[in-house]
Amino acid sequence: MAFRIASSLLAIVCALLLAACSGGDRMTFGGGSDGAPAASPAPAGPAAKPPPVNMAGRWTLAATGSTSCRMTLGANSPDATEGTIAPGGGCPFNFFTSRKWNYTEAGLTLRDHNAQPLAQLSPTGPSGFEGKTNAGQVVALSR
């Protein structure tokens, strides 16, 4: 019986030692990976300012001298600062590749499937944005 307990303890100790050596997610006892006390997480910075309107829902993207299309913007909450885009058919220029949006102090940025900016827009009122594509074409996003 004592042999069985000793071998079980030995197996547990070996498993703990192997787990402690398994890369970046090291098991630590009482602190960081170097034995020093773990640092508390850095305080979060100021929250990003949300867009002036809830972005979730159907929008129309129009380009001067071109066609327009419908886009559905997704957001996790009414004050979200980023979300998804599902473009409808017939979008002007390369907006058919739109997949993400984000809002910062600089305004609304529409991004493609590679996270590359397609256009930078500024608020024009309670339900619209206007701006330019990277190539300089004027576009508007409205409800």
N, C-alpha and C. Protein backbone atom coordinates (compact mmCIF):
# COMPACT_ATOMS: atom_id res chain seq x y z
N MET A 1 0.82 -1.19 0.00
CA MET A 1 0.00 0.00 0.00
C MET A 1 0.87 1.26 0.00
N ALA A 2 1.94 1.26 0.80
CA ALA A 2 2.81 2.42 0.87
C ALA A 2 3.48 2.67 -0.48
N PHE A 3 3.82 1.55 -1.19
CA PHE A 3 4.42 1.69 -2.52
C PHE A 3 3.46 2.36 -3.48
N ARG A 4 2.19 2.02 -3.40
CA ARG A 4 1.17 2.59 -4.28
C ARG A 4 1.02 4.10 -4.02
N ILE A 5 1.00 4.52 -2.79
CA ILE A 5 0.90 5.94 -2.43
C ILE A 5 2.14 6.69 -2.90
N ALA A 6 3.32 6.11 -2.67
CA ALA A 6 4.57 6.75 -3.07
C ALA A 6 4.64 6.91 -4.59
N SER A 7 4.22 5.89 -5.34
CA SER A 7 4.28 6.00 -6.80
C SER A 7 3.25 7.01 -7.31
N SER A 8 2.09 7.09 -6.65
CA SER A 8 1.09 8.09 -7.04
C SER A 8 1.62 9.50 -6.80
N LEU A 9 2.24 9.72 -5.65
CA LEU A 9 2.83 11.03 -5.35
C LEU A 9 3.95 11.37 -6.33
N LEU A 10 4.75 10.40 -6.68
CA LEU A 10 5.82 10.62 -7.63
C LEU A 10 5.25 11.01 -9.00
N ALA A 11 4.18 10.36 -9.42
CA ALA A 11 3.54 10.69 -10.71
C ALA A 11 2.98 12.11 -10.68
N ILE A 12 2.39 12.51 -9.58
CA ILE A 12 1.84 13.87 -9.46
C ILE A 12 2.96 14.90 -9.50
N VAL A 13 4.04 14.66 -8.77
CA VAL A 13 5.17 15.59 -8.76
C VAL A 13 5.77 15.70 -10.16
N CYS A 14 5.92 14.60 -10.86
CA CYS A 14 6.46 14.62 -12.22
C CYS A 14 5.54 15.41 -13.15
N ALA A 15 4.23 15.21 -13.02
CA ALA A 15 3.28 15.94 -13.86
C ALA A 15 3.37 17.44 -13.59
N LEU A 16 3.49 17.84 -12.33
CA LEU A 16 3.61 19.25 -11.98
C LEU A 16 4.90 19.85 -12.55
N LEU A 17 5.98 19.11 -12.45
CA LEU A 17 7.25 19.60 -12.98
C LEU A 17 7.19 19.75 -14.50
N LEU A 18 6.59 18.78 -15.18
CA LEU A 18 6.46 18.86 -16.63
C LEU A 18 5.55 20.02 -17.02
N ALA A 19 4.48 20.24 -16.29
CA ALA A 19 3.58 21.36 -16.58
C ALA A 19 4.29 22.69 -16.39
N ALA A 20 5.17 22.78 -15.41
CA ALA A 20 5.90 24.01 -15.14
C ALA A 20 6.90 24.33 -16.25
N CYS A 21 7.31 23.34 -17.02
CA CYS A 21 8.30 23.54 -18.07
C CYS A 21 7.68 23.66 -19.45
N SER A 22 6.38 23.81 -19.55
CA SER A 22 5.73 23.73 -20.86
C SER A 22 5.51 25.08 -21.52
N GLY A 23 6.53 25.88 -21.67
CA GLY A 23 6.43 27.10 -22.47
C GLY A 23 5.99 28.30 -21.67
N GLY A 24 5.30 29.25 -22.39
CA GLY A 24 4.96 30.55 -21.84
C GLY A 24 3.92 30.51 -20.73
N ASP A 25 3.08 29.50 -20.70
CA ASP A 25 2.06 29.42 -19.67
C ASP A 25 2.59 28.61 -18.50
N ARG A 26 3.66 29.05 -17.93
CA ARG A 26 4.31 28.29 -16.88
C ARG A 26 3.52 28.33 -15.60
N MET A 27 3.57 27.23 -14.90
CA MET A 27 2.95 27.17 -13.60
C MET A 27 3.88 27.87 -12.63
N THR A 28 3.38 28.79 -11.85
CA THR A 28 4.21 29.50 -10.89
C THR A 28 3.59 29.35 -9.52
N PHE A 29 4.41 29.42 -8.54
CA PHE A 29 3.97 29.33 -7.16
C PHE A 29 4.28 30.64 -6.48
N GLY A 30 3.25 31.48 -6.28
CA GLY A 30 3.42 32.71 -5.53
C GLY A 30 4.00 33.86 -6.31
N GLY A 31 3.89 33.90 -7.60
CA GLY A 31 4.39 35.05 -8.31
C GLY A 31 4.57 34.80 -9.78
N GLY A 32 5.41 35.62 -10.40
CA GLY A 32 5.67 35.54 -11.83
C GLY A 32 6.57 34.37 -12.16
N SER A 33 6.91 34.22 -13.43
CA SER A 33 7.71 33.08 -13.87
C SER A 33 9.11 33.10 -13.31
N ASP A 34 9.58 34.27 -12.82
CA ASP A 34 10.91 34.35 -12.25
C ASP A 34 10.90 34.26 -10.73
N GLY A 35 9.71 33.94 -10.16
CA GLY A 35 9.60 33.82 -8.72
C GLY A 35 9.23 35.12 -8.03
N ALA A 36 9.32 36.25 -8.73
CA ALA A 36 8.96 37.53 -8.15
C ALA A 36 7.44 37.62 -8.04
N PRO A 37 6.94 38.43 -7.12
CA PRO A 37 5.49 38.57 -7.01
C PRO A 37 4.90 39.05 -8.33
N ALA A 38 3.75 38.52 -8.67
CA ALA A 38 3.09 38.89 -9.92
C ALA A 38 2.64 40.34 -9.85
N ALA A 39 2.88 41.07 -10.92
CA ALA A 39 2.47 42.46 -10.98
C ALA A 39 0.97 42.54 -11.22
N SER A 40 0.34 43.54 -10.63
CA SER A 40 -1.08 43.71 -10.89
C SER A 40 -1.25 44.30 -12.28
N PRO A 41 -2.37 44.01 -12.93
CA PRO A 41 -2.56 44.51 -14.29
C PRO A 41 -2.57 46.04 -14.33
N ALA A 42 -2.10 46.57 -15.45
CA ALA A 42 -2.08 48.03 -15.62
C ALA A 42 -3.51 48.54 -15.68
N PRO A 43 -3.75 49.71 -15.10
CA PRO A 43 -5.10 50.25 -15.17
C PRO A 43 -5.49 50.55 -16.61
N ALA A 44 -6.74 50.32 -16.92
CA ALA A 44 -7.23 50.58 -18.28
C ALA A 44 -7.20 52.07 -18.56
N GLY A 45 -6.92 52.42 -19.80
CA GLY A 45 -6.92 53.82 -20.22
C GLY A 45 -8.35 54.32 -20.34
N PRO A 46 -8.49 55.57 -20.72
CA PRO A 46 -9.84 56.10 -20.86
C PRO A 46 -10.61 55.33 -21.93
N ALA A 47 -11.87 55.14 -21.68
CA ALA A 47 -12.71 54.41 -22.63
C ALA A 47 -12.82 55.20 -23.93
N ALA A 48 -12.87 54.46 -25.04
CA ALA A 48 -13.02 55.11 -26.34
C ALA A 48 -14.38 55.79 -26.42
N LYS A 49 -14.41 56.93 -27.05
CA LYS A 49 -15.67 57.67 -27.20
C LYS A 49 -16.53 56.95 -28.23
N PRO A 50 -17.77 56.61 -27.86
CA PRO A 50 -18.62 55.89 -28.81
C PRO A 50 -19.09 56.81 -29.94
N PRO A 51 -19.55 56.23 -31.05
CA PRO A 51 -20.08 57.03 -32.15
C PRO A 51 -21.30 57.83 -31.68
N PRO A 52 -21.66 58.89 -32.41
CA PRO A 52 -22.80 59.70 -32.00
C PRO A 52 -24.14 59.01 -32.19
N VAL A 53 -24.13 57.84 -32.80
CA VAL A 53 -25.36 57.10 -33.07
C VAL A 53 -25.06 55.61 -32.95
N ASN A 54 -26.07 54.82 -32.59
CA ASN A 54 -25.92 53.37 -32.56
C ASN A 54 -25.66 52.90 -33.99
N MET A 55 -24.54 52.26 -34.22
CA MET A 55 -24.14 51.88 -35.57
C MET A 55 -24.84 50.62 -36.08
N ALA A 56 -25.38 49.82 -35.19
CA ALA A 56 -26.00 48.56 -35.61
C ALA A 56 -27.24 48.83 -36.46
N GLY A 57 -27.34 48.11 -37.57
CA GLY A 57 -28.52 48.21 -38.41
C GLY A 57 -28.18 48.42 -39.87
N ARG A 58 -29.21 48.75 -40.65
CA ARG A 58 -29.07 48.93 -42.10
C ARG A 58 -28.68 50.36 -42.43
N TRP A 59 -27.71 50.50 -43.31
CA TRP A 59 -27.20 51.79 -43.76
C TRP A 59 -27.14 51.78 -45.28
N THR A 60 -27.10 52.97 -45.88
CA THR A 60 -26.89 53.11 -47.31
C THR A 60 -25.56 53.80 -47.53
N LEU A 61 -24.71 53.17 -48.32
CA LEU A 61 -23.43 53.76 -48.71
C LEU A 61 -23.60 54.31 -50.12
N ALA A 62 -23.35 55.60 -50.29
CA ALA A 62 -23.49 56.23 -51.61
C ALA A 62 -22.19 56.93 -51.96
N ALA A 63 -21.84 56.86 -53.24
CA ALA A 63 -20.64 57.53 -53.74
C ALA A 63 -21.06 58.55 -54.78
N THR A 64 -20.44 59.72 -54.75
CA THR A 64 -20.75 60.77 -55.71
C THR A 64 -20.50 60.27 -57.12
N GLY A 65 -21.53 60.40 -57.98
CA GLY A 65 -21.39 59.99 -59.38
C GLY A 65 -21.33 58.49 -59.58
N SER A 66 -21.79 57.72 -58.61
CA SER A 66 -21.73 56.26 -58.72
C SER A 66 -22.99 55.66 -58.12
N THR A 67 -22.98 54.37 -57.96
CA THR A 67 -24.13 53.67 -57.40
C THR A 67 -24.11 53.74 -55.87
N SER A 68 -25.16 53.21 -55.28
CA SER A 68 -25.20 53.10 -53.83
C SER A 68 -25.56 51.65 -53.48
N CYS A 69 -25.34 51.29 -52.24
CA CYS A 69 -25.69 49.94 -51.80
C CYS A 69 -26.09 49.98 -50.34
N ARG A 70 -26.74 48.91 -49.92
CA ARG A 70 -27.13 48.77 -48.53
C ARG A 70 -26.05 47.97 -47.81
N MET A 71 -25.80 48.34 -46.56
CA MET A 71 -24.85 47.63 -45.71
C MET A 71 -25.51 47.39 -44.37
N THR A 72 -25.24 46.25 -43.79
CA THR A 72 -25.70 45.97 -42.44
C THR A 72 -24.50 46.02 -41.53
N LEU A 73 -24.53 46.95 -40.59
CA LEU A 73 -23.45 47.07 -39.62
C LEU A 73 -23.86 46.38 -38.33
N GLY A 74 -22.95 45.61 -37.79
CA GLY A 74 -23.20 44.90 -36.54
C GLY A 74 -22.41 45.52 -35.41
N ALA A 75 -22.98 45.47 -34.21
CA ALA A 75 -22.32 45.98 -33.01
C ALA A 75 -22.80 45.17 -31.82
N ASN A 76 -21.91 44.97 -30.85
CA ASN A 76 -22.26 44.18 -29.66
C ASN A 76 -23.12 44.95 -28.67
N SER A 77 -23.09 46.27 -28.74
CA SER A 77 -23.88 47.10 -27.82
C SER A 77 -24.17 48.42 -28.50
N PRO A 78 -25.14 49.19 -28.01
CA PRO A 78 -25.48 50.47 -28.64
C PRO A 78 -24.33 51.47 -28.66
N ASP A 79 -23.40 51.37 -27.70
CA ASP A 79 -22.28 52.31 -27.66
C ASP A 79 -20.96 51.67 -28.11
N ALA A 80 -21.05 50.61 -28.91
CA ALA A 80 -19.85 49.91 -29.41
C ALA A 80 -19.01 50.83 -30.27
N THR A 81 -17.70 50.66 -30.23
CA THR A 81 -16.78 51.45 -31.03
C THR A 81 -16.21 50.66 -32.21
N GLU A 82 -16.68 49.42 -32.37
CA GLU A 82 -16.26 48.61 -33.52
C GLU A 82 -17.29 47.53 -33.76
N GLY A 83 -17.26 47.00 -34.98
CA GLY A 83 -18.21 45.95 -35.32
C GLY A 83 -17.98 45.41 -36.71
N THR A 84 -18.95 44.70 -37.20
CA THR A 84 -18.85 44.03 -38.49
C THR A 84 -19.66 44.75 -39.56
N ILE A 85 -19.35 44.44 -40.81
CA ILE A 85 -20.10 44.97 -41.95
C ILE A 85 -20.46 43.80 -42.87
N ALA A 86 -21.72 43.77 -43.29
CA ALA A 86 -22.17 42.82 -44.30
C ALA A 86 -22.67 43.66 -45.47
N PRO A 87 -21.83 43.84 -46.50
CA PRO A 87 -22.24 44.68 -47.63
C PRO A 87 -23.27 43.98 -48.50
N GLY A 88 -24.18 44.78 -49.05
CA GLY A 88 -25.15 44.24 -50.00
C GLY A 88 -24.53 44.25 -51.39
N GLY A 89 -25.26 43.76 -52.35
CA GLY A 89 -24.75 43.74 -53.72
C GLY A 89 -24.70 45.12 -54.35
N GLY A 90 -23.80 45.29 -55.30
CA GLY A 90 -23.70 46.53 -56.07
C GLY A 90 -22.98 47.67 -55.39
N CYS A 91 -22.18 47.39 -54.39
CA CYS A 91 -21.47 48.47 -53.70
C CYS A 91 -20.44 49.12 -54.62
N PRO A 92 -20.34 50.46 -54.58
CA PRO A 92 -19.39 51.15 -55.44
C PRO A 92 -17.94 50.88 -55.04
N PHE A 93 -17.05 51.12 -56.00
CA PHE A 93 -15.61 50.94 -55.81
C PHE A 93 -15.35 49.55 -55.23
N ASN A 94 -14.54 49.45 -54.20
CA ASN A 94 -14.25 48.13 -53.64
C ASN A 94 -14.94 47.92 -52.29
N PHE A 95 -16.06 48.59 -52.06
CA PHE A 95 -16.77 48.44 -50.79
C PHE A 95 -17.45 47.08 -50.66
N PHE A 96 -17.49 46.30 -51.71
CA PHE A 96 -18.01 44.93 -51.60
C PHE A 96 -17.11 44.09 -50.70
N THR A 97 -15.87 44.57 -50.43
CA THR A 97 -14.95 43.86 -49.55
C THR A 97 -15.06 44.33 -48.10
N SER A 98 -15.98 45.24 -47.80
CA SER A 98 -16.13 45.77 -46.44
C SER A 98 -16.48 44.64 -45.47
N ARG A 99 -15.78 44.62 -44.33
CA ARG A 99 -16.06 43.59 -43.33
C ARG A 99 -16.08 44.13 -41.91
N LYS A 100 -15.38 45.22 -41.63
CA LYS A 100 -15.28 45.74 -40.26
C LYS A 100 -15.39 47.26 -40.26
N TRP A 101 -15.87 47.80 -39.15
CA TRP A 101 -15.89 49.24 -38.93
C TRP A 101 -15.34 49.49 -37.54
N ASN A 102 -14.75 50.67 -37.35
CA ASN A 102 -14.36 51.10 -36.01
C ASN A 102 -14.48 52.62 -35.93
N TYR A 103 -14.77 53.10 -34.74
CA TYR A 103 -14.95 54.52 -34.50
C TYR A 103 -13.93 54.99 -33.48
N THR A 104 -13.18 56.03 -33.82
CA THR A 104 -12.20 56.64 -32.93
C THR A 104 -12.41 58.14 -32.95
N GLU A 105 -11.53 58.86 -32.28
CA GLU A 105 -11.60 60.32 -32.31
C GLU A 105 -11.47 60.86 -33.73
N ALA A 106 -10.80 60.11 -34.61
CA ALA A 106 -10.61 60.54 -36.00
C ALA A 106 -11.87 60.34 -36.83
N GLY A 107 -12.85 59.57 -36.32
CA GLY A 107 -14.08 59.32 -37.05
C GLY A 107 -14.30 57.85 -37.31
N LEU A 108 -15.15 57.57 -38.28
CA LEU A 108 -15.53 56.20 -38.63
C LEU A 108 -14.64 55.68 -39.75
N THR A 109 -14.06 54.51 -39.54
CA THR A 109 -13.22 53.88 -40.56
C THR A 109 -13.90 52.59 -41.00
N LEU A 110 -14.08 52.44 -42.31
CA LEU A 110 -14.59 51.20 -42.89
C LEU A 110 -13.39 50.42 -43.39
N ARG A 111 -13.33 49.13 -43.04
CA ARG A 111 -12.18 48.29 -43.39
C ARG A 111 -12.60 47.08 -44.21
N ASP A 112 -11.65 46.60 -45.01
CA ASP A 112 -11.93 45.44 -45.85
C ASP A 112 -11.63 44.14 -45.12
N HIS A 113 -11.71 43.03 -45.84
CA HIS A 113 -11.49 41.70 -45.28
C HIS A 113 -10.06 41.47 -44.80
N ASN A 114 -9.14 42.34 -45.20
CA ASN A 114 -7.74 42.26 -44.74
C ASN A 114 -7.44 43.31 -43.68
N ALA A 115 -8.48 43.96 -43.14
CA ALA A 115 -8.37 45.01 -42.13
C ALA A 115 -7.72 46.29 -42.67
N GLN A 116 -7.66 46.42 -43.98
CA GLN A 116 -7.12 47.64 -44.60
C GLN A 116 -8.23 48.69 -44.69
N PRO A 117 -7.93 49.96 -44.39
CA PRO A 117 -8.96 51.00 -44.46
C PRO A 117 -9.45 51.22 -45.90
N LEU A 118 -10.76 51.30 -46.04
CA LEU A 118 -11.38 51.62 -47.33
C LEU A 118 -11.76 53.10 -47.38
N ALA A 119 -12.24 53.63 -46.24
CA ALA A 119 -12.66 55.03 -46.19
C ALA A 119 -12.63 55.53 -44.76
N GLN A 120 -12.45 56.85 -44.64
CA GLN A 120 -12.49 57.52 -43.34
C GLN A 120 -13.63 58.53 -43.41
N LEU A 121 -14.59 58.41 -42.49
CA LEU A 121 -15.79 59.24 -42.52
C LEU A 121 -15.94 60.02 -41.22
N SER A 122 -16.56 61.20 -41.32
CA SER A 122 -16.84 62.03 -40.15
C SER A 122 -18.35 62.16 -39.99
N PRO A 123 -18.83 62.31 -38.75
CA PRO A 123 -20.27 62.47 -38.55
C PRO A 123 -20.78 63.75 -39.21
N THR A 124 -21.96 63.66 -39.82
CA THR A 124 -22.58 64.84 -40.45
C THR A 124 -23.87 65.22 -39.76
N GLY A 125 -24.28 64.48 -38.79
CA GLY A 125 -25.53 64.74 -38.08
C GLY A 125 -25.93 63.51 -37.31
N PRO A 126 -27.20 63.45 -36.91
CA PRO A 126 -27.64 62.34 -36.07
C PRO A 126 -27.70 60.99 -36.77
N SER A 127 -27.69 60.98 -38.09
CA SER A 127 -27.81 59.68 -38.76
C SER A 127 -26.99 59.59 -40.04
N GLY A 128 -25.81 60.18 -40.03
CA GLY A 128 -25.01 60.08 -41.23
C GLY A 128 -23.53 60.39 -41.04
N PHE A 129 -22.76 59.96 -42.03
CA PHE A 129 -21.31 60.17 -42.05
C PHE A 129 -20.92 60.50 -43.47
N GLU A 130 -19.89 61.31 -43.62
CA GLU A 130 -19.36 61.64 -44.94
C GLU A 130 -17.86 61.63 -44.88
N GLY A 131 -17.23 61.28 -46.01
CA GLY A 131 -15.79 61.27 -46.05
C GLY A 131 -15.28 60.86 -47.41
N LYS A 132 -14.05 60.35 -47.41
CA LYS A 132 -13.41 59.96 -48.66
C LYS A 132 -12.79 58.58 -48.55
N THR A 133 -12.71 57.94 -49.71
CA THR A 133 -12.00 56.68 -49.80
C THR A 133 -10.51 56.98 -49.81
N ASN A 134 -9.70 55.95 -49.74
CA ASN A 134 -8.25 56.14 -49.82
C ASN A 134 -7.82 56.72 -51.17
N ALA A 135 -8.65 56.50 -52.20
CA ALA A 135 -8.35 57.02 -53.53
C ALA A 135 -8.93 58.43 -53.74
N GLY A 136 -9.63 58.97 -52.72
CA GLY A 136 -10.13 60.34 -52.81
C GLY A 136 -11.58 60.49 -53.26
N GLN A 137 -12.30 59.39 -53.50
CA GLN A 137 -13.71 59.49 -53.90
C GLN A 137 -14.55 59.85 -52.68
N VAL A 138 -15.52 60.74 -52.88
CA VAL A 138 -16.41 61.16 -51.80
C VAL A 138 -17.50 60.11 -51.62
N VAL A 139 -17.71 59.70 -50.35
CA VAL A 139 -18.74 58.73 -50.02
C VAL A 139 -19.53 59.21 -48.80
N ALA A 140 -20.76 58.73 -48.71
CA ALA A 140 -21.62 59.06 -47.57
C ALA A 140 -22.29 57.79 -47.09
N LEU A 141 -22.46 57.71 -45.79
CA LEU A 141 -23.14 56.58 -45.15
C LEU A 141 -24.32 57.17 -44.40
N SER A 142 -25.53 56.71 -44.70
CA SER A 142 -26.72 57.28 -44.05
C SER A 142 -27.75 56.20 -43.77
N ARG A 143 -28.69 56.53 -42.90
CA ARG A 143 -29.79 55.60 -42.56
C ARG A 143 -30.91 55.78 -43.54
